[in-house]
Each structure stands twice: as C-alpha cells, then as structure tokens.
Amino acid sequence: MYPDHRARLALFVLLAGLFLAAGCLGKSAQNSFYTLTPMPEAAAEAGPGAGPCLALGVGPVELPAYLERPQMVTRKQGHRFELAEFDRWAEPLPDTVSRVLAENLAALTCAEPLHFYPWSSDSTVDRQVTVRVLRLDGEPGGEVVLQAHWAILDGNGKSLAWRSATYRRPCADGSFGAYAKAQSELLADLSRDIAAGLGGLQASAPKQ
C-alpha cells in the first residue's frame, strides 16, 4: 500500500511539474501595438492657403488586401512578405490611413467642414479626395515605399485631377516603431501633394 501511495504521489508531482513547465513554455511573447500619426502642426509648412474654404470629403481610401490584417507586413527580397506576429496595428489599417490623410489635409488646407467617407446623404461637399493605395510596405532598417493613385472630384463626382505617385523614405532603424514612423512620413508626403492639387483648383471652388 505504501509503495503504491508513494508511486501515485511521485506521479502527481511529475505531472504537476510538467503542467507548470508547459505553462511557462507556452507563454507567448507580448504583443506590441502601433499606429500611424498625422504630421506635426509645425510640419504643415504654410498651413491653409488663401481663398475660400472647401467642404472637403475624404474617401474612399482603398488599401490592397495584403495590408488588411492586424499584423504589420514587411516586404523581403523578391515577392516575399512576412507578417510580424507580435507587432500589430492598434486599429484596422484602412481606418488609420483614412484618418491620418484627413487630419493632414485639414492642417494643410482650409477644409470646413471635413467629411469622412461615407458621409450622410444630406451632406454636400465642394471637393472629394479619393485614394487608392497600391503599396505601403518595406523593411525595418531599410526603405519604405508608398505607391498610390489619387483623384480630386467636384461635388457631383466629376474628376478634376488625377495623379499617380511613388514616395520613398528610409527607415531610421530596425524597430517597428521606426517602421510606423516612416509610413506616417510617407502619408505626409502624399498629403502635401493632394493639398497642392486642391490649392490649384481652389480658385474655382464655390464660396461658403
């Protein structure tokens, strides 16, 4: 009886140790979350230009499907991508890009009011900005690239301007924080070009 009792006790201790070890080994690395940020107010060089303010609508802003995921995506050599399992976006990336572009344009132009797509049917806009992102990726510690088409429409949906551009920024270091910062700077570059396009059309905009 006693040997059997000792055997069962030893088995219990062994199993408890295995469960504890499995718990320690099974702990995943802690997730880190990032977001894109609008350009600092000081970086909005001249700020809103002269002329009438615009009722500006921003959107739709489209991203490729490979970016519509919580993990941060990096591009390796060739056609290979990697997902950073423990480095993630704090909110869906399409929402973040749309918000940052809108905030940048609000800082660079006189946009009053500012509408986010889709806006209500009783809202009217003087100008609408649509953006289709083809690429927003790179490698931490390397180069980060934004490729996009953008258009400016009038209040009736007629195209007034259309551009295609590619922007490049170096990533300061190999961290994902620097990676997100470089992507934010690329969106600032895109926003400046869109704001310049809006400025060129501003003379023909109806006064509020």
C-alpha atoms as a PDB file:
ATOM      1  CA  MET A   1       0.000   0.000   0.000  1.00  0.00           C
ATOM      2  CA  TYR A   2       2.707   2.476   0.976  1.00  0.00           C
ATOM      3  CA  PRO A   3       4.792   1.863  -2.147  1.00  0.00           C
ATOM      4  CA  ASP A   4       1.669   2.380  -4.244  1.00  0.00           C
ATOM      5  CA  HIS A   5       0.892   5.605  -2.381  1.00  0.00           C
ATOM      6  CA  ARG A   6       4.429   6.874  -2.932  1.00  0.00           C
ATOM      7  CA  ALA A   7       4.223   5.992  -6.618  1.00  0.00           C
ATOM      8  CA  ARG A   8       0.998   7.909  -7.021  1.00  0.00           C
ATOM      9  CA  LEU A   9       2.455  10.895  -5.165  1.00  0.00           C
ATOM     10  CA  ALA A  10       5.557  10.839  -7.363  1.00  0.00           C
ATOM     11  CA  LEU A  11       3.353  10.664 -10.464  1.00  0.00           C
ATOM     12  CA  PHE A  12       1.300  13.618  -9.208  1.00  0.00           C
ATOM     13  CA  VAL A  13       4.439  15.699  -8.589  1.00  0.00           C
ATOM     14  CA  LEU A  14       5.768  14.783 -12.029  1.00  0.00           C
ATOM     15  CA  LEU A  15       2.526  15.739 -13.771  1.00  0.00           C
ATOM     16  CA  ALA A  16       2.289  18.994 -11.819  1.00  0.00           C
ATOM     17  CA  GLY A  17       5.833  19.859 -12.869  1.00  0.00           C
ATOM     18  CA  LEU A  18       5.026  19.106 -16.496  1.00  0.00           C
ATOM     19  CA  PHE A  19       1.943  21.333 -16.389  1.00  0.00           C
ATOM     20  CA  LEU A  20       3.931  24.165 -14.840  1.00  0.00           C
ATOM     21  CA  ALA A  21       6.683  23.776 -17.416  1.00  0.00           C
ATOM     22  CA  ALA A  22       4.146  23.711 -20.229  1.00  0.00           C
ATOM     23  CA  GLY A  23       2.601  26.897 -18.877  1.00  0.00           C
ATOM     24  CA  CYS A  24       5.941  28.663 -18.824  1.00  0.00           C
ATOM     25  CA  LEU A  25       6.944  27.450 -22.245  1.00  0.00           C
ATOM     26  CA  GLY A  26       3.518  28.181 -23.661  1.00  0.00           C
ATOM     27  CA  LYS A  27       3.548  31.850 -22.752  1.00  0.00           C
ATOM     28  CA  SER A  28       3.584  33.841 -25.976  1.00  0.00           C
ATOM     29  CA  ALA A  29       5.628  36.952 -26.460  1.00  0.00           C
ATOM     30  CA  GLN A  30       3.747  40.092 -25.517  1.00  0.00           C
ATOM     31  CA  ASN A  31       2.083  41.865 -28.437  1.00  0.00           C
ATOM     32  CA  SER A  32       3.138  45.410 -29.275  1.00  0.00           C
ATOM     33  CA  PHE A  33       0.651  47.742 -30.948  1.00  0.00           C
ATOM     34  CA  TYR A  34       1.371  50.670 -33.262  1.00  0.00           C
ATOM     35  CA  THR A  35      -0.482  53.372 -35.125  1.00  0.00           C
ATOM     36  CA  LEU A  36       0.210  55.883 -37.862  1.00  0.00           C
ATOM     37  CA  THR A  37       0.302  59.537 -36.864  1.00  0.00           C
ATOM     38  CA  PRO A  38      -0.631  62.770 -38.649  1.00  0.00           C
ATOM     39  CA  MET A  39       2.061  65.270 -39.490  1.00  0.00           C
ATOM     40  CA  PRO A  40       3.044  67.613 -36.657  1.00  0.00           C
ATOM     41  CA  GLU A  41       1.361  71.008 -36.866  1.00  0.00           C
ATOM     42  CA  ALA A  42       4.769  72.636 -37.339  1.00  0.00           C
ATOM     43  CA  ALA A  43       5.320  70.466 -40.419  1.00  0.00           C
ATOM     44  CA  ALA A  44       2.259  71.896 -42.142  1.00  0.00           C
ATOM     45  CA  GLU A  45       4.597  74.495 -43.640  1.00  0.00           C
ATOM     46  CA  ALA A  46       2.454  77.400 -44.866  1.00  0.00           C
ATOM     47  CA  GLY A  47      -0.746  75.958 -43.470  1.00  0.00           C
ATOM     48  CA  PRO A  48      -4.129  76.633 -45.103  1.00  0.00           C
ATOM     49  CA  GLY A  49      -3.763  78.856 -48.133  1.00  0.00           C
ATOM     50  CA  ALA A  50      -5.689  81.939 -49.079  1.00  0.00           C
ATOM     51  CA  GLY A  51      -9.047  81.688 -50.790  1.00  0.00           C
ATOM     52  CA  PRO A  52     -12.403  80.177 -49.958  1.00  0.00           C
ATOM     53  CA  CYS A  53     -12.650  77.248 -47.610  1.00  0.00           C
ATOM     54  CA  LEU A  54     -13.825  73.928 -49.012  1.00  0.00           C
ATOM     55  CA  ALA A  55     -16.384  71.494 -47.783  1.00  0.00           C
ATOM     56  CA  LEU A  56     -13.992  68.592 -48.216  1.00  0.00           C
ATOM     57  CA  GLY A  57     -14.862  64.915 -48.349  1.00  0.00           C
ATOM     58  CA  VAL A  58     -12.077  62.384 -47.821  1.00  0.00           C
ATOM     59  CA  GLY A  59     -12.592  58.883 -49.157  1.00  0.00           C
ATOM     60  CA  PRO A  60     -12.978  56.245 -50.142  1.00  0.00           C
ATOM     61  CA  VAL A  61      -9.400  55.312 -49.259  1.00  0.00           C
ATOM     62  CA  GLU A  62      -8.617  51.810 -50.543  1.00  0.00           C
ATOM     63  CA  LEU A  63      -5.750  49.561 -49.481  1.00  0.00           C
ATOM     64  CA  PRO A  64      -4.618  46.286 -51.070  1.00  0.00           C
ATOM     65  CA  ALA A  65      -5.915  43.158 -49.391  1.00  0.00           C
ATOM     66  CA  TYR A  66      -2.479  42.102 -48.153  1.00  0.00           C
ATOM     67  CA  LEU A  67      -2.461  45.094 -45.791  1.00  0.00           C
ATOM     68  CA  GLU A  68      -5.933  44.495 -44.395  1.00  0.00           C
ATOM     69  CA  ARG A  69      -4.808  42.424 -41.429  1.00  0.00           C
ATOM     70  CA  PRO A  70      -3.831  43.197 -37.826  1.00  0.00           C
ATOM     71  CA  GLN A  71      -0.188  42.133 -38.249  1.00  0.00           C
ATOM     72  CA  MET A  72       2.363  44.572 -39.611  1.00  0.00           C
ATOM     73  CA  VAL A  73       3.536  43.452 -43.046  1.00  0.00           C
ATOM     74  CA  THR A  74       7.124  43.719 -44.222  1.00  0.00           C
ATOM     75  CA  ARG A  75       8.446  43.074 -47.718  1.00  0.00           C
ATOM     76  CA  LYS A  76      11.502  40.918 -48.185  1.00  0.00           C
ATOM     77  CA  GLN A  77      13.566  40.480 -51.315  1.00  0.00           C
ATOM     78  CA  GLY A  78      11.652  39.470 -54.387  1.00  0.00           C
ATOM     79  CA  HIS A  79       7.957  38.805 -53.930  1.00  0.00           C
ATOM     80  CA  ARG A  80       8.059  37.541 -50.338  1.00  0.00           C
ATOM     81  CA  PHE A  81       6.217  39.125 -47.434  1.00  0.00           C
ATOM     82  CA  GLU A  82       6.444  38.461 -43.714  1.00  0.00           C
ATOM     83  CA  LEU A  83       3.828  39.033 -41.033  1.00  0.00           C
ATOM     84  CA  ALA A  84       5.088  40.337 -37.700  1.00  0.00           C
ATOM     85  CA  GLU A  85       3.066  38.094 -35.418  1.00  0.00           C
ATOM     86  CA  PHE A  86       3.639  40.112 -32.240  1.00  0.00           C
ATOM     87  CA  ASP A  87       3.821  43.612 -33.792  1.00  0.00           C
ATOM     88  CA  ARG A  88       0.341  44.723 -34.756  1.00  0.00           C
ATOM     89  CA  TRP A  89      -1.745  47.730 -35.697  1.00  0.00           C
ATOM     90  CA  ALA A  90      -3.861  49.198 -32.920  1.00  0.00           C
ATOM     91  CA  GLU A  91      -6.795  49.658 -35.328  1.00  0.00           C
ATOM     92  CA  PRO A  92      -7.608  48.444 -38.854  1.00  0.00           C
ATOM     93  CA  LEU A  93      -5.038  49.957 -41.184  1.00  0.00           C
ATOM     94  CA  PRO A  94      -7.583  51.264 -43.767  1.00  0.00           C
ATOM     95  CA  ASP A  95      -9.257  53.277 -40.987  1.00  0.00           C
ATOM     96  CA  THR A  96      -5.896  54.587 -39.778  1.00  0.00           C
ATOM     97  CA  VAL A  97      -4.725  55.669 -43.233  1.00  0.00           C
ATOM     98  CA  SER A  98      -8.035  57.413 -43.947  1.00  0.00           C
ATOM     99  CA  ARG A  99      -7.962  59.261 -40.619  1.00  0.00           C
ATOM    100  CA  VAL A 100      -4.338  60.369 -40.961  1.00  0.00           C
ATOM    101  CA  LEU A 101      -4.856  61.632 -44.513  1.00  0.00           C
ATOM    102  CA  ALA A 102      -7.921  63.598 -43.406  1.00  0.00           C
ATOM    103  CA  GLU A 103      -6.081  65.148 -40.449  1.00  0.00           C
ATOM    104  CA  ASN A 104      -3.139  66.073 -42.665  1.00  0.00           C
ATOM    105  CA  LEU A 105      -5.380  67.699 -45.273  1.00  0.00           C
ATOM    106  CA  ALA A 106      -7.236  69.598 -42.567  1.00  0.00           C
ATOM    107  CA  ALA A 107      -3.875  71.012 -41.436  1.00  0.00           C
ATOM    108  CA  LEU A 108      -2.711  71.842 -44.956  1.00  0.00           C
ATOM    109  CA  THR A 109      -5.906  73.299 -46.430  1.00  0.00           C
ATOM    110  CA  CYS A 110      -8.909  75.301 -45.350  1.00  0.00           C
ATOM    111  CA  ALA A 111     -11.339  72.396 -45.113  1.00  0.00           C
ATOM    112  CA  GLU A 112     -14.566  73.431 -43.413  1.00  0.00           C
ATOM    113  CA  PRO A 113     -16.410  71.201 -42.913  1.00  0.00           C
ATOM    114  CA  LEU A 114     -14.449  67.975 -43.269  1.00  0.00           C
ATOM    115  CA  HIS A 115     -16.400  64.824 -44.110  1.00  0.00           C
ATOM    116  CA  PHE A 116     -15.288  61.204 -43.840  1.00  0.00           C
ATOM    117  CA  TYR A 117     -16.487  58.688 -46.407  1.00  0.00           C
ATOM    118  CA  PRO A 118     -19.236  57.582 -46.442  1.00  0.00           C
ATOM    119  CA  TRP A 119     -20.906  60.847 -45.414  1.00  0.00           C
ATOM    120  CA  SER A 120     -24.629  61.261 -44.939  1.00  0.00           C
ATOM    121  CA  SER A 121     -26.920  61.909 -47.894  1.00  0.00           C
ATOM    122  CA  ASP A 122     -27.805  65.373 -46.612  1.00  0.00           C
ATOM    123  CA  SER A 123     -24.138  66.459 -46.578  1.00  0.00           C
ATOM    124  CA  THR A 124     -22.677  68.286 -49.554  1.00  0.00           C
ATOM    125  CA  VAL A 125     -19.014  68.597 -50.497  1.00  0.00           C
ATOM    126  CA  ASP A 126     -17.195  71.036 -52.775  1.00  0.00           C
ATOM    127  CA  ARG A 127     -14.296  68.675 -53.334  1.00  0.00           C
ATOM    128  CA  GLN A 128     -13.835  64.970 -52.754  1.00  0.00           C
ATOM    129  CA  VAL A 129     -10.464  63.245 -52.434  1.00  0.00           C
ATOM    130  CA  THR A 130     -10.221  59.557 -53.291  1.00  0.00           C
ATOM    131  CA  VAL A 131      -7.090  57.499 -52.762  1.00  0.00           C
ATOM    132  CA  ARG A 132      -6.144  54.026 -53.872  1.00  0.00           C
ATOM    133  CA  VAL A 133      -3.013  52.736 -52.169  1.00  0.00           C
ATOM    134  CA  LEU A 134      -1.200  50.154 -54.275  1.00  0.00           C
ATOM    135  CA  ARG A 135       1.706  49.628 -51.919  1.00  0.00           C
ATOM    136  CA  LEU A 136       2.617  50.671 -48.390  1.00  0.00           C
ATOM    137  CA  ASP A 137       5.423  48.471 -47.122  1.00  0.00           C
ATOM    138  CA  GLY A 138       9.154  47.982 -46.878  1.00  0.00           C
ATOM    139  CA  GLU A 139      11.585  46.619 -44.359  1.00  0.00           C
ATOM    140  CA  PRO A 140      12.527  47.938 -40.910  1.00  0.00           C
ATOM    141  CA  GLY A 141      16.029  49.342 -41.177  1.00  0.00           C
ATOM    142  CA  GLY A 142      15.676  49.624 -44.955  1.00  0.00           C
ATOM    143  CA  GLU A 143      13.468  51.538 -47.358  1.00  0.00           C
ATOM    144  CA  VAL A 144       9.717  52.061 -47.002  1.00  0.00           C
ATOM    145  CA  VAL A 145       7.598  52.746 -50.095  1.00  0.00           C
ATOM    146  CA  LEU A 146       4.145  54.226 -50.687  1.00  0.00           C
ATOM    147  CA  GLN A 147       2.631  53.923 -54.151  1.00  0.00           C
ATOM    148  CA  ALA A 148      -0.796  55.445 -54.689  1.00  0.00           C
ATOM    149  CA  HIS A 149      -3.303  56.830 -57.171  1.00  0.00           C
ATOM    150  CA  TRP A 150      -5.339  59.801 -56.023  1.00  0.00           C
ATOM    151  CA  ALA A 151      -8.052  61.927 -57.533  1.00  0.00           C
ATOM    152  CA  ILE A 152      -9.918  65.135 -56.766  1.00  0.00           C
ATOM    153  CA  LEU A 153     -13.601  65.213 -57.673  1.00  0.00           C
ATOM    154  CA  ASP A 154     -16.108  68.043 -57.640  1.00  0.00           C
ATOM    155  CA  GLY A 155     -19.351  67.921 -55.680  1.00  0.00           C
ATOM    156  CA  ASN A 156     -21.050  65.994 -58.490  1.00  0.00           C
ATOM    157  CA  GLY A 157     -18.369  63.311 -58.691  1.00  0.00           C
ATOM    158  CA  LYS A 158     -16.666  64.694 -61.804  1.00  0.00           C
ATOM    159  CA  SER A 159     -12.903  64.150 -61.890  1.00  0.00           C
ATOM    160  CA  LEU A 160     -10.927  67.399 -61.730  1.00  0.00           C
ATOM    161  CA  ALA A 161      -7.437  65.988 -61.201  1.00  0.00           C
ATOM    162  CA  TRP A 162      -5.788  62.576 -61.106  1.00  0.00           C
ATOM    163  CA  ARG A 163      -2.264  61.633 -60.135  1.00  0.00           C
ATOM    164  CA  SER A 164      -0.133  58.534 -59.635  1.00  0.00           C
ATOM    165  CA  ALA A 165       2.951  58.812 -57.454  1.00  0.00           C
ATOM    166  CA  THR A 166       5.536  56.773 -55.587  1.00  0.00           C
ATOM    167  CA  TYR A 167       7.157  58.002 -52.372  1.00  0.00           C
ATOM    168  CA  ARG A 168      10.175  56.562 -50.594  1.00  0.00           C
ATOM    169  CA  ARG A 169      11.570  57.071 -47.110  1.00  0.00           C
ATOM    170  CA  PRO A 170      14.439  55.444 -45.221  1.00  0.00           C
ATOM    171  CA  CYS A 171      13.554  53.649 -42.017  1.00  0.00           C
ATOM    172  CA  ALA A 172      15.686  55.064 -39.193  1.00  0.00           C
ATOM    173  CA  ASP A 173      16.406  51.687 -37.599  1.00  0.00           C
ATOM    174  CA  GLY A 174      15.202  48.101 -37.471  1.00  0.00           C
ATOM    175  CA  SER A 175      12.384  48.689 -34.982  1.00  0.00           C
ATOM    176  CA  PHE A 176       8.715  48.545 -35.853  1.00  0.00           C
ATOM    177  CA  GLY A 177       8.260  51.920 -34.192  1.00  0.00           C
ATOM    178  CA  ALA A 178      10.602  53.446 -36.774  1.00  0.00           C
ATOM    179  CA  TYR A 179       8.780  51.482 -39.483  1.00  0.00           C
ATOM    180  CA  ALA A 180       5.432  53.022 -38.498  1.00  0.00           C
ATOM    181  CA  LYS A 181       7.035  56.470 -38.316  1.00  0.00           C
ATOM    182  CA  ALA A 182       8.410  56.158 -41.850  1.00  0.00           C
ATOM    183  CA  GLN A 183       4.981  55.126 -43.111  1.00  0.00           C
ATOM    184  CA  SER A 184       3.457  58.174 -41.388  1.00  0.00           C
ATOM    185  CA  GLU A 185       6.008  60.395 -43.129  1.00  0.00           C
ATOM    186  CA  LEU A 186       5.079  58.852 -46.484  1.00  0.00           C
ATOM    187  CA  LEU A 187       1.419  59.698 -45.862  1.00  0.00           C
ATOM    188  CA  ALA A 188       2.515  63.259 -45.068  1.00  0.00           C
ATOM    189  CA  ASP A 189       4.300  63.402 -48.455  1.00  0.00           C
ATOM    190  CA  LEU A 190       1.144  62.188 -50.194  1.00  0.00           C
ATOM    191  CA  SER A 191      -0.978  64.690 -48.258  1.00  0.00           C
ATOM    192  CA  ARG A 192       1.221  67.598 -49.353  1.00  0.00           C
ATOM    193  CA  ASP A 193       0.763  66.668 -52.998  1.00  0.00           C
ATOM    194  CA  ILE A 194      -3.009  66.334 -52.618  1.00  0.00           C
ATOM    195  CA  ALA A 195      -3.165  69.675 -50.780  1.00  0.00           C
ATOM    196  CA  ALA A 196      -1.204  71.292 -53.615  1.00  0.00           C
ATOM    197  CA  GLY A 197      -3.698  69.850 -56.082  1.00  0.00           C
ATOM    198  CA  LEU A 198      -6.595  71.216 -54.062  1.00  0.00           C
ATOM    199  CA  GLY A 199      -4.897  74.600 -53.912  1.00  0.00           C
ATOM    200  CA  GLY A 200      -4.582  74.686 -57.670  1.00  0.00           C
ATOM    201  CA  LEU A 201      -8.326  74.126 -58.012  1.00  0.00           C
ATOM    202  CA  GLN A 202      -9.358  76.329 -55.112  1.00  0.00           C
ATOM    203  CA  ALA A 203      -9.962  79.439 -57.202  1.00  0.00           C
ATOM    204  CA  SER A 204     -12.880  77.744 -58.941  1.00  0.00           C
ATOM    205  CA  ALA A 205     -14.456  76.420 -55.727  1.00  0.00           C
ATOM    206  CA  PRO A 206     -17.792  77.955 -54.678  1.00  0.00           C
ATOM    207  CA  LYS A 207     -17.605  80.270 -51.701  1.00  0.00           C
ATOM    208  CA  GLN A 208     -19.175  79.155 -48.466  1.00  0.00           C
END
